Amino acid sequence: MGDELTTILRLVSEGTLTAEEAAPIIAALTHGGAPRSLGPSSPPGPTTPPGSGKGRGRRIRIQISERGRRVIDVRVPLAFAAMAARMVPGIPDSYAAMIKEAVETDTVGPIIDLTEDEDGDAVLITVE
């Protein structure tokens, strides 16, 4: 199942699928059955008061470099931020918790910015 979710998240980050198109697919994959009903008034992701627009159009970007080479560079809609954080290898639970908090508080900007160390390793997680 992990490969399928990775593919769906990649398609969303590339703009091939919208978050709304991907939600029922991900629900079917993660719940092992038919997709949940997501009516037009129930978009995936964090709930916000109607008309507030909180977080709309925002994405989370995860960049990881190892030995000076970028090995992960993914952008996903905020609705999938927590799932993306769990699927990226090497992201500790504490980072996932920070991402979840940033999404809930509608934070914009860097969440984690570990600049490149002497080995060329770096992590940048930001809300755009």
Protein backbone atom coordinates (compact mmCIF):
# COMPACT_ATOMS: atom_id res chain seq x y z
CA MET A 1 0.00 0.00 0.00
CA GLY A 2 2.89 2.41 0.67
CA ASP A 3 3.90 2.49 -2.99
CA GLU A 4 0.38 3.43 -4.05
CA LEU A 5 0.16 6.24 -1.49
CA THR A 6 3.57 7.52 -2.52
CA THR A 7 2.43 7.58 -6.13
CA ILE A 8 -0.78 9.45 -5.28
CA LEU A 9 1.12 12.01 -3.18
CA ARG A 10 3.63 12.49 -6.00
CA LEU A 11 0.82 13.07 -8.50
CA VAL A 12 -0.73 15.66 -6.19
CA SER A 13 2.61 17.40 -5.63
CA GLU A 14 3.18 17.51 -9.40
CA GLY A 15 -0.29 18.96 -9.96
CA THR A 16 -1.50 15.96 -11.98
CA LEU A 17 -4.22 15.29 -9.38
CA THR A 18 -5.98 17.80 -7.15
CA ALA A 19 -6.37 17.15 -3.44
CA GLU A 20 -10.09 16.67 -4.02
CA GLU A 21 -9.45 14.02 -6.71
CA ALA A 22 -6.87 12.23 -4.58
CA ALA A 23 -8.88 12.15 -1.33
CA PRO A 24 -11.24 9.29 -2.24
CA ILE A 25 -8.36 7.28 -3.68
CA ILE A 26 -6.32 7.71 -0.52
CA ALA A 27 -9.35 6.94 1.64
CA ALA A 28 -9.91 3.71 -0.28
CA LEU A 29 -6.26 2.73 0.09
CA THR A 30 -5.96 3.59 3.77
CA HIS A 31 -9.35 2.29 4.87
CA GLY A 32 -9.17 -0.88 2.80
CA GLY A 33 -12.61 -0.47 1.31
CA ALA A 34 -14.84 1.93 -0.51
CA PRO A 35 -13.91 5.58 -0.28
CA ARG A 36 -15.60 7.71 2.33
CA SER A 37 -18.27 10.03 1.10
CA LEU A 38 -16.75 13.47 0.76
CA GLY A 39 -19.54 15.78 -0.24
CA PRO A 40 -18.83 19.21 -1.67
CA SER A 41 -19.09 20.75 1.81
CA SER A 42 -16.61 18.27 3.33
CA PRO A 43 -13.18 18.78 1.77
CA PRO A 44 -10.34 16.59 2.99
CA GLY A 45 -7.93 17.87 5.59
CA PRO A 46 -8.26 20.15 8.57
CA THR A 47 -11.72 21.58 9.07
CA THR A 48 -12.18 25.31 9.10
CA PRO A 49 -15.19 27.55 9.45
CA PRO A 50 -17.04 27.97 6.15
CA GLY A 51 -15.77 30.89 4.14
CA SER A 52 -12.64 31.40 6.22
CA GLY A 53 -10.29 30.14 3.50
CA LYS A 54 -7.82 29.16 6.21
CA GLY A 55 -4.96 27.24 4.61
CA ARG A 56 -6.59 27.10 1.21
CA GLY A 57 -4.08 26.72 -1.59
CA ARG A 58 -1.21 26.25 0.82
CA ARG A 59 1.23 23.40 0.53
CA ILE A 60 3.80 21.86 2.74
CA ARG A 61 7.25 21.41 1.26
CA ILE A 62 9.66 18.78 2.52
CA GLN A 63 13.25 18.92 1.29
CA ILE A 64 15.93 16.56 2.51
CA SER A 65 19.53 16.58 1.32
CA GLU A 66 22.11 13.92 2.01
CA ARG A 67 25.79 14.45 1.27
CA GLY A 68 24.94 17.65 -0.58
CA ARG A 69 22.44 15.97 -2.91
CA ARG A 70 18.70 16.58 -2.63
CA VAL A 71 17.07 13.19 -2.14
CA ILE A 72 13.54 14.36 -1.30
CA ASP A 73 11.78 17.45 -2.59
CA VAL A 74 8.03 17.09 -2.33
CA ARG A 75 5.16 19.57 -2.09
CA VAL A 76 1.75 18.38 -0.98
CA PRO A 77 -1.47 20.17 -0.08
CA LEU A 78 -1.91 20.84 3.63
CA ALA A 79 -4.72 18.29 3.67
CA PHE A 80 -2.11 15.57 3.17
CA ALA A 81 0.68 17.07 5.30
CA ALA A 82 0.44 14.64 8.21
CA MET A 83 0.28 11.63 5.88
CA ALA A 84 3.24 12.88 3.85
CA ALA A 85 5.30 13.40 7.00
CA ARG A 86 4.65 9.82 8.08
CA MET A 87 5.65 8.47 4.66
CA VAL A 88 8.95 10.30 4.24
CA PRO A 89 11.78 8.07 5.46
CA GLY A 90 13.84 9.55 8.26
CA ILE A 91 11.26 12.08 9.48
CA PRO A 92 11.07 11.59 13.26
CA ASP A 93 7.75 11.62 15.09
CA SER A 94 8.69 14.96 16.69
CA TYR A 95 8.86 16.58 13.24
CA ALA A 96 5.51 15.07 12.30
CA ALA A 97 4.04 16.56 15.48
CA MET A 98 5.49 19.97 14.59
CA ILE A 99 3.97 19.72 11.10
CA LYS A 100 0.58 18.82 12.56
CA GLU A 101 0.75 21.77 14.95
CA ALA A 102 1.72 24.17 12.15
CA VAL A 103 -1.22 23.00 10.05
CA GLU A 104 -3.65 23.36 12.97
CA THR A 105 -2.40 26.86 13.82
CA ASP A 106 -2.29 27.98 10.17
CA THR A 107 1.43 28.73 10.38
CA VAL A 108 3.17 29.97 7.23
CA GLY A 109 6.92 29.71 6.70
CA PRO A 110 9.62 27.38 7.94
CA ILE A 111 8.68 24.76 10.49
CA ILE A 112 12.04 22.99 10.53
CA ASP A 113 15.15 24.43 8.94
CA LEU A 114 18.25 22.40 9.68
CA THR A 115 20.85 23.99 7.45
CA GLU A 116 23.42 21.88 5.72
CA ASP A 117 25.95 20.35 8.11
CA GLU A 118 29.57 19.40 7.37
CA ASP A 119 28.38 16.16 5.72
CA GLY A 120 26.02 18.02 3.38
CA ASP A 121 22.88 16.83 5.18
CA ALA A 122 19.94 19.25 5.53
CA VAL A 123 16.22 19.24 6.27
CA LEU A 124 13.75 21.98 5.35
CA ILE A 125 10.05 21.68 6.09
CA THR A 126 7.99 24.74 5.33
CA VAL A 127 4.42 25.83 4.68
CA GLU A 128 4.11 27.80 1.45
